[in-house]
Amino acid sequence: MRITRYAATLGAAGLVLTGCASEAGQQAEQAASAAPEVAQDAEFPAGTTMAELAEAGSITVGTKFDQPGFGLANPQGVPEGFDVEVAKIIAGELGIAPEEIEWTETVSANRESFIQNGDVDIVVATYTINDARKQLIDFAGPYYEAGQDIMVATGNPLAIEGPDDLAGKRVCSVEGSTPAQNIRDNYPEAQLTLFDVYSKCADALRNGQVDAVTTDNVILTGLVQGGQGAFELVGNPFTEEPYGIGLTKGDDEFRAFINDTLEQAYEDGTWAEAWDRTAGAITGTEAPEPPMVDRY
């Protein structure tokens, strides 16, 4: 197994996410005991991405390393979470065992470039499907649907109840993210501060440098859980964010294969089991109804 960290984030995530250490350890034990099945003697048409990956016996996956429940590096630096388990399911269908996956840390701003440059084979990283991104890459899925929400200091001292209350407030999000663009486009009176990772936004909220943090509700829930009582979720989602798996544009066969794999995981319960032992364990929620894949 090879792990590549995004250098700019080192030293930041640990400041706010220490409260998730026990959850991360539990996730590691559960994931190890419930690793997805690995296809034996997997065969694919010659010349396809599936055949190339299966023959190589490894796959490089871009994922987040600072998001509890979806992609959070454990004390050994190995990412854990729902996105990680979804990637393992895909790798398993290719005949690739979890220990042969090469994990590369991605942040919101570099996901497209990592795919286009061939730094990764797929990106599974709370990656919202939208038309602008489809101009650069392709998506399989969606495999989960989130919604943009707001995180504030415990007690909500500024009485922020929704996005309209962000006018004149210092609001933090991350570069290259859909939530940041939504604030720019639809709530321009908010004073937007951007970092490369959400853990830095959480630190800024904790230190009083910003008034609120906005991103997808499941990401914020993880930050609240890891915030040691410093944060709370407004709990008023105001967008729909379908998470997809990013891959090279035009690779229709690989996209169809991933979509088939997702649908199989929905049907046989593997997807729900992955949720229950990762994001569900942190949020305390049962697996939702899986979304319908979009075979555009």
C-alpha atoms as a PDB file:
ATOM      1  CA  MET A   1       0.000   0.000   0.000  1.00  0.00           C
ATOM      2  CA  ARG A   2       1.277   3.464  -0.891  1.00  0.00           C
ATOM      3  CA  ILE A   3      -0.085   6.652   0.651  1.00  0.00           C
ATOM      4  CA  THR A   4       0.521  10.123  -0.777  1.00  0.00           C
ATOM      5  CA  ARG A   5      -0.308  13.136   1.378  1.00  0.00           C
ATOM      6  CA  TYR A   6      -1.162  16.593   0.097  1.00  0.00           C
ATOM      7  CA  ALA A   7       1.721  18.543   1.648  1.00  0.00           C
ATOM      8  CA  ALA A   8      -0.133  21.801   2.221  1.00  0.00           C
ATOM      9  CA  THR A   9      -2.536  20.137   4.647  1.00  0.00           C
ATOM     10  CA  LEU A  10      -0.012  18.505   6.942  1.00  0.00           C
ATOM     11  CA  GLY A  11      -0.323  19.663  10.517  1.00  0.00           C
ATOM     12  CA  ALA A  12      -3.773  21.172  10.106  1.00  0.00           C
ATOM     13  CA  ALA A  13      -6.214  18.312  10.396  1.00  0.00           C
ATOM     14  CA  GLY A  14      -5.032  17.091  13.764  1.00  0.00           C
ATOM     15  CA  LEU A  15      -5.882  20.381  15.445  1.00  0.00           C
ATOM     16  CA  VAL A  16      -9.615  19.861  15.162  1.00  0.00           C
ATOM     17  CA  LEU A  17     -10.132  16.185  14.493  1.00  0.00           C
ATOM     18  CA  THR A  18      -8.561  14.642  17.566  1.00  0.00           C
ATOM     19  CA  GLY A  19     -12.003  13.962  18.953  1.00  0.00           C
ATOM     20  CA  CYS A  20     -12.552  11.454  16.156  1.00  0.00           C
ATOM     21  CA  ALA A  21      -9.595   9.256  17.054  1.00  0.00           C
ATOM     22  CA  SER A  22     -11.668   6.644  18.839  1.00  0.00           C
ATOM     23  CA  GLU A  23     -14.242   6.566  16.044  1.00  0.00           C
ATOM     24  CA  ALA A  24     -11.430   6.196  13.512  1.00  0.00           C
ATOM     25  CA  GLY A  25      -9.974   3.278  15.421  1.00  0.00           C
ATOM     26  CA  GLN A  26     -13.356   1.592  15.551  1.00  0.00           C
ATOM     27  CA  GLN A  27     -13.782   2.166  11.820  1.00  0.00           C
ATOM     28  CA  ALA A  28     -10.410   0.545  11.173  1.00  0.00           C
ATOM     29  CA  GLU A  29     -11.342  -2.581  13.118  1.00  0.00           C
ATOM     30  CA  GLN A  30     -14.753  -2.801  11.474  1.00  0.00           C
ATOM     31  CA  ALA A  31     -13.364  -2.217   7.986  1.00  0.00           C
ATOM     32  CA  ALA A  32     -10.719  -4.884   8.464  1.00  0.00           C
ATOM     33  CA  SER A  33     -13.307  -7.417   9.556  1.00  0.00           C
ATOM     34  CA  ALA A  34     -15.752  -6.514   6.776  1.00  0.00           C
ATOM     35  CA  ALA A  35     -13.520  -5.919   3.767  1.00  0.00           C
ATOM     36  CA  PRO A  36     -15.433  -6.231   0.487  1.00  0.00           C
ATOM     37  CA  GLU A  37     -15.050  -9.413  -1.502  1.00  0.00           C
ATOM     38  CA  VAL A  38     -12.258  -9.506  -4.051  1.00  0.00           C
ATOM     39  CA  ALA A  39     -13.177 -11.053  -7.396  1.00  0.00           C
ATOM     40  CA  GLN A  40     -11.056 -14.056  -8.275  1.00  0.00           C
ATOM     41  CA  ASP A  41      -9.695 -14.372 -11.826  1.00  0.00           C
ATOM     42  CA  ALA A  42     -11.429 -11.164 -12.904  1.00  0.00           C
ATOM     43  CA  GLU A  43     -11.380 -10.862 -16.698  1.00  0.00           C
ATOM     44  CA  PHE A  44     -12.217  -7.856 -18.855  1.00  0.00           C
ATOM     45  CA  PRO A  45     -12.082  -6.967 -22.562  1.00  0.00           C
ATOM     46  CA  ALA A  46      -8.547  -6.258 -23.726  1.00  0.00           C
ATOM     47  CA  GLY A  47      -7.618  -2.607 -23.935  1.00  0.00           C
ATOM     48  CA  THR A  48     -10.116  -1.430 -21.329  1.00  0.00           C
ATOM     49  CA  THR A  49      -9.149   0.414 -18.172  1.00  0.00           C
ATOM     50  CA  MET A  50     -10.575  -2.488 -16.188  1.00  0.00           C
ATOM     51  CA  ALA A  51      -8.252  -4.953 -17.917  1.00  0.00           C
ATOM     52  CA  GLU A  52      -5.233  -2.704 -17.392  1.00  0.00           C
ATOM     53  CA  LEU A  53      -5.942  -2.227 -13.690  1.00  0.00           C
ATOM     54  CA  ALA A  54      -6.717  -5.896 -13.114  1.00  0.00           C
ATOM     55  CA  GLU A  55      -3.477  -6.905 -14.812  1.00  0.00           C
ATOM     56  CA  ALA A  56      -1.490  -4.363 -12.793  1.00  0.00           C
ATOM     57  CA  GLY A  57      -3.102  -5.616  -9.591  1.00  0.00           C
ATOM     58  CA  SER A  58      -3.409  -2.123  -8.142  1.00  0.00           C
ATOM     59  CA  ILE A  59      -5.441   1.062  -8.467  1.00  0.00           C
ATOM     60  CA  THR A  60      -4.646   4.638  -7.409  1.00  0.00           C
ATOM     61  CA  VAL A  61      -7.540   6.343  -5.650  1.00  0.00           C
ATOM     62  CA  GLY A  62      -7.811  10.017  -4.777  1.00  0.00           C
ATOM     63  CA  THR A  63      -9.734  10.699  -1.575  1.00  0.00           C
ATOM     64  CA  LYS A  64      -9.959  13.198   1.281  1.00  0.00           C
ATOM     65  CA  PHE A  65      -7.832  12.704   4.389  1.00  0.00           C
ATOM     66  CA  ASP A  66      -9.537  15.200   6.721  1.00  0.00           C
ATOM     67  CA  GLN A  67     -13.249  14.365   6.641  1.00  0.00           C
ATOM     68  CA  PRO A  68     -14.566  12.146   9.453  1.00  0.00           C
ATOM     69  CA  GLY A  69     -16.929   9.464   8.238  1.00  0.00           C
ATOM     70  CA  PHE A  70     -15.969   9.789   4.577  1.00  0.00           C
ATOM     71  CA  GLY A  71     -12.196  10.090   4.327  1.00  0.00           C
ATOM     72  CA  LEU A  72     -10.063  10.625   7.430  1.00  0.00           C
ATOM     73  CA  ALA A  73      -6.464   9.537   7.892  1.00  0.00           C
ATOM     74  CA  ASN A  74      -6.023   7.287  10.934  1.00  0.00           C
ATOM     75  CA  PRO A  75      -2.944   7.548  13.202  1.00  0.00           C
ATOM     76  CA  GLN A  76      -1.041   5.379  10.726  1.00  0.00           C
ATOM     77  CA  GLY A  77      -1.907   7.780   7.898  1.00  0.00           C
ATOM     78  CA  VAL A  78      -4.311   5.380   6.176  1.00  0.00           C
ATOM     79  CA  PRO A  79      -7.624   6.932   5.091  1.00  0.00           C
ATOM     80  CA  GLU A  80     -10.873   5.506   6.471  1.00  0.00           C
ATOM     81  CA  GLY A  81     -14.522   6.261   5.830  1.00  0.00           C
ATOM     82  CA  PHE A  82     -17.447   5.752   3.490  1.00  0.00           C
ATOM     83  CA  ASP A  83     -15.639   7.055   0.400  1.00  0.00           C
ATOM     84  CA  VAL A  84     -12.752   4.714   1.174  1.00  0.00           C
ATOM     85  CA  GLU A  85     -15.089   1.730   1.472  1.00  0.00           C
ATOM     86  CA  VAL A  86     -16.818   2.596  -1.813  1.00  0.00           C
ATOM     87  CA  ALA A  87     -13.405   2.669  -3.487  1.00  0.00           C
ATOM     88  CA  LYS A  88     -12.603  -0.741  -1.974  1.00  0.00           C
ATOM     89  CA  ILE A  89     -15.832  -2.157  -3.413  1.00  0.00           C
ATOM     90  CA  ILE A  90     -14.829  -0.973  -6.888  1.00  0.00           C
ATOM     91  CA  ALA A  91     -11.291  -2.298  -6.473  1.00  0.00           C
ATOM     92  CA  GLY A  92     -12.657  -5.646  -5.305  1.00  0.00           C
ATOM     93  CA  GLU A  93     -14.681  -6.047  -8.504  1.00  0.00           C
ATOM     94  CA  LEU A  94     -11.438  -5.510 -10.401  1.00  0.00           C
ATOM     95  CA  GLY A  95      -9.794  -8.292  -8.412  1.00  0.00           C
ATOM     96  CA  ILE A  96      -7.704  -5.814  -6.414  1.00  0.00           C
ATOM     97  CA  ALA A  97      -7.383  -6.359  -2.658  1.00  0.00           C
ATOM     98  CA  PRO A  98      -7.600  -3.374  -0.260  1.00  0.00           C
ATOM     99  CA  GLU A  99      -3.907  -3.602   0.589  1.00  0.00           C
ATOM    100  CA  GLU A 100      -3.055  -3.096  -3.098  1.00  0.00           C
ATOM    101  CA  ILE A 101      -4.880   0.227  -3.337  1.00  0.00           C
ATOM    102  CA  GLU A 102      -2.630   3.285  -3.561  1.00  0.00           C
ATOM    103  CA  TRP A 103      -4.266   6.175  -1.703  1.00  0.00           C
ATOM    104  CA  THR A 104      -3.549   9.746  -2.797  1.00  0.00           C
ATOM    105  CA  GLU A 105      -4.854  12.662  -0.773  1.00  0.00           C
ATOM    106  CA  THR A 106      -6.950  15.039  -2.833  1.00  0.00           C
ATOM    107  CA  VAL A 107      -8.460  18.377  -1.896  1.00  0.00           C
ATOM    108  CA  SER A 108     -11.369  20.089  -3.593  1.00  0.00           C
ATOM    109  CA  ALA A 109      -9.199  22.284  -5.807  1.00  0.00           C
ATOM    110  CA  ASN A 110      -7.061  19.523  -7.343  1.00  0.00           C
ATOM    111  CA  ARG A 111      -9.500  16.719  -8.083  1.00  0.00           C
ATOM    112  CA  GLU A 112     -10.001  17.477 -11.775  1.00  0.00           C
ATOM    113  CA  SER A 113      -6.298  18.054 -12.416  1.00  0.00           C
ATOM    114  CA  PHE A 114      -5.337  14.810 -10.666  1.00  0.00           C
ATOM    115  CA  ILE A 115      -7.686  12.901 -12.970  1.00  0.00           C
ATOM    116  CA  GLN A 116      -6.665  14.761 -16.124  1.00  0.00           C
ATOM    117  CA  ASN A 117      -2.940  14.357 -15.395  1.00  0.00           C
ATOM    118  CA  GLY A 118      -3.241  10.651 -14.627  1.00  0.00           C
ATOM    119  CA  ASP A 119      -2.127  11.064 -11.013  1.00  0.00           C
ATOM    120  CA  VAL A 120      -5.072   8.901  -9.948  1.00  0.00           C
ATOM    121  CA  ASP A 121      -7.324   6.356 -11.634  1.00  0.00           C
ATOM    122  CA  ILE A 122     -10.479   7.474  -9.828  1.00  0.00           C
ATOM    123  CA  VAL A 123     -11.462  10.102  -7.281  1.00  0.00           C
ATOM    124  CA  VAL A 124     -13.875   9.179  -4.491  1.00  0.00           C
ATOM    125  CA  ALA A 125     -13.847  12.305  -2.358  1.00  0.00           C
ATOM    126  CA  THR A 126     -17.247  13.843  -1.488  1.00  0.00           C
ATOM    127  CA  TYR A 127     -17.203  14.952  -5.125  1.00  0.00           C
ATOM    128  CA  THR A 128     -20.394  16.692  -6.249  1.00  0.00           C
ATOM    129  CA  ILE A 129     -21.505  15.939  -9.795  1.00  0.00           C
ATOM    130  CA  ASN A 130     -22.210  19.094 -11.790  1.00  0.00           C
ATOM    131  CA  ASP A 131     -22.208  20.220 -15.416  1.00  0.00           C
ATOM    132  CA  ALA A 132     -19.102  22.393 -15.117  1.00  0.00           C
ATOM    133  CA  ARG A 133     -17.020  19.482 -13.875  1.00  0.00           C
ATOM    134  CA  LYS A 134     -18.463  17.213 -16.570  1.00  0.00           C
ATOM    135  CA  GLN A 135     -16.755  19.432 -19.122  1.00  0.00           C
ATOM    136  CA  LEU A 136     -13.403  18.253 -17.746  1.00  0.00           C
ATOM    137  CA  ILE A 137     -13.973  14.726 -16.434  1.00  0.00           C
ATOM    138  CA  ASP A 138     -16.666  12.053 -16.257  1.00  0.00           C
ATOM    139  CA  PHE A 139     -18.607  10.792 -13.253  1.00  0.00           C
ATOM    140  CA  ALA A 140     -20.009   7.435 -12.255  1.00  0.00           C
ATOM    141  CA  GLY A 141     -22.796   7.401  -9.709  1.00  0.00           C
ATOM    142  CA  PRO A 142     -24.073   9.165  -7.758  1.00  0.00           C
ATOM    143  CA  TYR A 143     -23.461   6.918  -4.767  1.00  0.00           C
ATOM    144  CA  TYR A 144     -24.709   9.379  -2.111  1.00  0.00           C
ATOM    145  CA  GLU A 145     -26.704  12.608  -1.959  1.00  0.00           C
ATOM    146  CA  ALA A 146     -25.791  15.322   0.534  1.00  0.00           C
ATOM    147  CA  GLY A 147     -26.955  18.921   1.016  1.00  0.00           C
ATOM    148  CA  GLN A 148     -25.122  22.146   1.787  1.00  0.00           C
ATOM    149  CA  ASP A 149     -25.509  23.322   5.375  1.00  0.00           C
ATOM    150  CA  ILE A 150     -23.840  25.635   7.893  1.00  0.00           C
ATOM    151  CA  MET A 151     -21.744  24.990  11.014  1.00  0.00           C
ATOM    152  CA  VAL A 152     -21.515  27.598  13.765  1.00  0.00           C
ATOM    153  CA  ALA A 153     -20.054  27.931  17.236  1.00  0.00           C
ATOM    154  CA  THR A 154     -21.973  26.097  19.944  1.00  0.00           C
ATOM    155  CA  GLY A 155     -24.952  28.163  21.046  1.00  0.00           C
ATOM    156  CA  ASN A 156     -25.192  29.844  17.630  1.00  0.00           C
ATOM    157  CA  PRO A 157     -24.381  33.295  19.063  1.00  0.00           C
ATOM    158  CA  LEU A 158     -25.148  35.114  15.789  1.00  0.00           C
ATOM    159  CA  ALA A 159     -28.477  33.302  15.277  1.00  0.00           C
ATOM    160  CA  ILE A 160     -27.573  31.985  11.835  1.00  0.00           C
ATOM    161  CA  GLU A 161     -30.490  29.822  10.704  1.00  0.00           C
ATOM    162  CA  GLY A 162     -29.887  29.619   6.974  1.00  0.00           C
ATOM    163  CA  PRO A 163     -27.931  31.054   4.055  1.00  0.00           C
ATOM    164  CA  ASP A 164     -29.843  34.353   4.031  1.00  0.00           C
ATOM    165  CA  ASP A 165     -28.395  35.059   7.482  1.00  0.00           C
ATOM    166  CA  LEU A 166     -24.839  34.932   6.128  1.00  0.00           C
ATOM    167  CA  ALA A 167     -24.971  38.498   4.780  1.00  0.00           C
ATOM    168  CA  GLY A 168     -22.179  40.467   6.429  1.00  0.00           C
ATOM    169  CA  LYS A 169     -20.885  37.353   8.200  1.00  0.00           C
ATOM    170  CA  ARG A 170     -17.410  35.862   7.825  1.00  0.00           C
ATOM    171  CA  VAL A 171     -18.014  32.505   6.168  1.00  0.00           C
ATOM    172  CA  CYS A 172     -15.401  29.827   5.512  1.00  0.00           C
ATOM    173  CA  SER A 173     -15.331  27.149   2.829  1.00  0.00           C
ATOM    174  CA  VAL A 174     -12.660  25.591   0.609  1.00  0.00           C
ATOM    175  CA  GLU A 175     -11.180  26.486  -2.744  1.00  0.00           C
ATOM    176  CA  GLY A 176     -12.654  24.698  -5.735  1.00  0.00           C
ATOM    177  CA  SER A 177     -15.736  23.476  -3.878  1.00  0.00           C
ATOM    178  CA  THR A 178     -19.361  23.606  -4.977  1.00  0.00           C
ATOM    179  CA  PRO A 179     -20.458  25.161  -1.634  1.00  0.00           C
ATOM    180  CA  ALA A 180     -17.982  28.032  -2.046  1.00  0.00           C
ATOM    181  CA  GLN A 181     -19.221  28.728  -5.571  1.00  0.00           C
ATOM    182  CA  ASN A 182     -22.819  28.617  -4.378  1.00  0.00           C
ATOM    183  CA  ILE A 183     -22.090  31.283  -1.771  1.00  0.00           C
ATOM    184  CA  ARG A 184     -20.341  33.460  -4.365  1.00  0.00           C
ATOM    185  CA  ASP A 185     -23.190  33.135  -6.852  1.00  0.00           C
ATOM    186  CA  ASN A 186     -26.228  33.311  -4.601  1.00  0.00           C
ATOM    187  CA  TYR A 187     -25.176  34.966  -1.332  1.00  0.00           C
ATOM    188  CA  PRO A 188     -22.617  37.582  -2.411  1.00  0.00           C
ATOM    189  CA  GLU A 189     -23.015  39.685   0.739  1.00  0.00           C
ATOM    190  CA  ALA A 190     -21.322  36.957   2.776  1.00  0.00           C
ATOM    191  CA  GLN A 191     -17.638  37.624   3.460  1.00  0.00           C
ATOM    192  CA  LEU A 192     -16.090  34.456   2.072  1.00  0.00           C
ATOM    193  CA  THR A 193     -12.793  33.074   3.375  1.00  0.00           C
ATOM    194  CA  LEU A 194     -11.264  30.106   1.543  1.00  0.00           C
ATOM    195  CA  PHE A 195      -8.789  27.468   2.686  1.00  0.00           C
ATOM    196  CA  ASP A 196      -7.581  24.277   1.030  1.00  0.00           C
ATOM    197  CA  VAL A 197      -9.203  21.902   3.549  1.00  0.00           C
ATOM    198  CA  TYR A 198     -12.214  22.073   5.857  1.00  0.00           C
ATOM    199  CA  SER A 199     -10.203  21.305   8.974  1.00  0.00           C
ATOM    200  CA  LYS A 200      -8.628  24.758   8.612  1.00  0.00           C
ATOM    201  CA  CYS A 201     -12.107  26.286   8.404  1.00  0.00           C
ATOM    202  CA  ALA A 202     -13.002  24.491  11.617  1.00  0.00           C
ATOM    203  CA  ASP A 203      -9.869  25.852  13.280  1.00  0.00           C
ATOM    204  CA  ALA A 204     -10.784  29.365  12.111  1.00  0.00           C
ATOM    205  CA  LEU A 205     -14.294  29.012  13.580  1.00  0.00           C
ATOM    206  CA  ARG A 206     -12.896  27.717  16.838  1.00  0.00           C
ATOM    207  CA  ASN A 207     -10.500  30.681  17.043  1.00  0.00           C
ATOM    208  CA  GLY A 208     -13.130  33.284  16.203  1.00  0.00           C
ATOM    209  CA  GLN A 209     -11.614  34.189  12.843  1.00  0.00           C
ATOM    210  CA  VAL A 210     -14.846  33.337  11.019  1.00  0.00           C
ATOM    211  CA  ASP A 211     -18.493  33.240  12.026  1.00  0.00           C
ATOM    212  CA  ALA A 212     -19.575  30.119  10.157  1.00  0.00           C
ATOM    213  CA  VAL A 213     -18.381  27.251   7.991  1.00  0.00           C
ATOM    214  CA  THR A 214     -20.388  25.984   5.046  1.00  0.00           C
ATOM    215  CA  THR A 215     -20.142  22.767   3.077  1.00  0.00           C
ATOM    216  CA  ASP A 216     -22.121  19.545   2.749  1.00  0.00           C
ATOM    217  CA  ASN A 217     -24.060  18.469   5.818  1.00  0.00           C
ATOM    218  CA  VAL A 218     -22.349  15.090   6.172  1.00  0.00           C
ATOM    219  CA  ILE A 219     -18.913  16.734   6.158  1.00  0.00           C
ATOM    220  CA  LEU A 220     -20.007  19.263   8.763  1.00  0.00           C
ATOM    221  CA  THR A 221     -21.521  16.522  10.918  1.00  0.00           C
ATOM    222  CA  GLY A 222     -18.138  14.846  11.076  1.00  0.00           C
ATOM    223  CA  LEU A 223     -16.468  18.120  12.049  1.00  0.00           C
ATOM    224  CA  VAL A 224     -19.072  18.704  14.763  1.00  0.00           C
ATOM    225  CA  GLN A 225     -18.469  15.216  16.142  1.00  0.00           C
ATOM    226  CA  GLY A 226     -14.719  15.843  16.179  1.00  0.00           C
ATOM    227  CA  GLY A 227     -14.971  19.372  17.555  1.00  0.00           C
ATOM    228  CA  GLN A 228     -15.131  18.427  21.239  1.00  0.00           C
ATOM    229  CA  GLY A 229     -18.286  20.457  21.810  1.00  0.00           C
ATOM    230  CA  ALA A 230     -17.103  23.613  20.044  1.00  0.00           C
ATOM    231  CA  PHE A 231     -19.483  23.464  17.083  1.00  0.00           C
ATOM    232  CA  GLU A 232     -23.078  22.782  16.122  1.00  0.00           C
ATOM    233  CA  LEU A 233     -24.885  22.187  12.849  1.00  0.00           C
ATOM    234  CA  VAL A 234     -27.606  24.619  11.824  1.00  0.00           C
ATOM    235  CA  GLY A 235     -29.420  21.661  10.262  1.00  0.00           C
ATOM    236  CA  ASN A 236     -31.116  23.455   7.391  1.00  0.00           C
ATOM    237  CA  PRO A 237     -29.775  22.014   4.101  1.00  0.00           C
ATOM    238  CA  PHE A 238     -30.333  24.334   1.148  1.00  0.00           C
ATOM    239  CA  THR A 239     -28.926  22.454  -1.863  1.00  0.00           C
ATOM    240  CA  GLU A 240     -28.729  18.941  -3.275  1.00  0.00           C
ATOM    241  CA  GLU A 241     -25.198  17.548  -3.704  1.00  0.00           C
ATOM    242  CA  PRO A 242     -24.991  14.189  -5.534  1.00  0.00           C
ATOM    243  CA  TYR A 243     -21.599  12.572  -4.874  1.00  0.00           C
ATOM    244  CA  GLY A 244     -19.990  10.865  -7.844  1.00  0.00           C
ATOM    245  CA  ILE A 245     -16.815   8.981  -8.680  1.00  0.00           C
ATOM    246  CA  GLY A 246     -14.538  11.007 -10.908  1.00  0.00           C
ATOM    247  CA  LEU A 247     -12.715   9.357 -13.801  1.00  0.00           C
ATOM    248  CA  THR A 248     -11.094  10.235 -17.117  1.00  0.00           C
ATOM    249  CA  LYS A 249     -13.442  11.935 -19.553  1.00  0.00           C
ATOM    250  CA  GLY A 250     -14.579   9.698 -22.386  1.00  0.00           C
ATOM    251  CA  ASP A 251     -13.842   6.378 -20.660  1.00  0.00           C
ATOM    252  CA  ASP A 252     -17.397   5.141 -21.131  1.00  0.00           C
ATOM    253  CA  GLU A 253     -16.612   1.468 -20.504  1.00  0.00           C
ATOM    254  CA  PHE A 254     -14.979   2.181 -17.154  1.00  0.00           C
ATOM    255  CA  ARG A 255     -17.841   4.479 -16.149  1.00  0.00           C
ATOM    256  CA  ALA A 256     -20.382   1.773 -17.035  1.00  0.00           C
ATOM    257  CA  PHE A 257     -18.386  -0.782 -15.039  1.00  0.00           C
ATOM    258  CA  ILE A 258     -18.346   1.446 -11.950  1.00  0.00           C
ATOM    259  CA  ASN A 259     -22.068   2.153 -12.291  1.00  0.00           C
ATOM    260  CA  ASP A 260     -22.747  -1.586 -12.554  1.00  0.00           C
ATOM    261  CA  THR A 261     -20.623  -2.161  -9.454  1.00  0.00           C
ATOM    262  CA  LEU A 262     -22.499   0.497  -7.502  1.00  0.00           C
ATOM    263  CA  GLU A 263     -25.883  -0.933  -8.452  1.00  0.00           C
ATOM    264  CA  GLN A 264     -24.755  -4.385  -7.390  1.00  0.00           C
ATOM    265  CA  ALA A 265     -23.564  -2.978  -4.051  1.00  0.00           C
ATOM    266  CA  TYR A 266     -26.956  -1.319  -3.576  1.00  0.00           C
ATOM    267  CA  GLU A 267     -28.773  -4.576  -4.253  1.00  0.00           C
ATOM    268  CA  ASP A 268     -26.637  -6.956  -2.196  1.00  0.00           C
ATOM    269  CA  GLY A 269     -26.375  -4.663   0.844  1.00  0.00           C
ATOM    270  CA  THR A 270     -22.633  -4.028   0.583  1.00  0.00           C
ATOM    271  CA  TRP A 271     -23.201  -0.292   0.155  1.00  0.00           C
ATOM    272  CA  ALA A 272     -25.432  -0.086   3.241  1.00  0.00           C
ATOM    273  CA  GLU A 273     -22.954  -2.116   5.296  1.00  0.00           C
ATOM    274  CA  ALA A 274     -20.179   0.274   4.277  1.00  0.00           C
ATOM    275  CA  TRP A 275     -22.291   3.218   5.435  1.00  0.00           C
ATOM    276  CA  ASP A 276     -23.187   1.615   8.746  1.00  0.00           C
ATOM    277  CA  ARG A 277     -19.581   1.000   9.781  1.00  0.00           C
ATOM    278  CA  THR A 278     -18.259   4.415   8.669  1.00  0.00           C
ATOM    279  CA  ALA A 279     -20.363   7.555   8.232  1.00  0.00           C
ATOM    280  CA  GLY A 280     -23.358   5.964   9.915  1.00  0.00           C
ATOM    281  CA  ALA A 281     -21.299   5.090  12.983  1.00  0.00           C
ATOM    282  CA  ILE A 282     -20.244   8.727  13.374  1.00  0.00           C
ATOM    283  CA  THR A 283     -23.550  10.409  12.526  1.00  0.00           C
ATOM    284  CA  GLY A 284     -25.712   7.834  14.277  1.00  0.00           C
ATOM    285  CA  THR A 285     -27.891   7.444  11.197  1.00  0.00           C
ATOM    286  CA  GLU A 286     -29.058   4.380   9.327  1.00  0.00           C
ATOM    287  CA  ALA A 287     -28.065   3.901   5.708  1.00  0.00           C
ATOM    288  CA  PRO A 288     -30.263   6.087   3.496  1.00  0.00           C
ATOM    289  CA  GLU A 289     -31.950   4.916   0.339  1.00  0.00           C
ATOM    290  CA  PRO A 290     -29.195   4.701  -2.289  1.00  0.00           C
ATOM    291  CA  PRO A 291     -29.542   7.126  -5.198  1.00  0.00           C
ATOM    292  CA  MET A 292     -30.187   6.027  -8.752  1.00  0.00           C
ATOM    293  CA  VAL A 293     -27.047   6.092 -10.881  1.00  0.00           C
ATOM    294  CA  ASP A 294     -27.078   8.508 -13.802  1.00  0.00           C
ATOM    295  CA  ARG A 295     -26.006   6.762 -16.995  1.00  0.00           C
ATOM    296  CA  TYR A 296     -25.746   9.955 -19.004  1.00  0.00           C
END
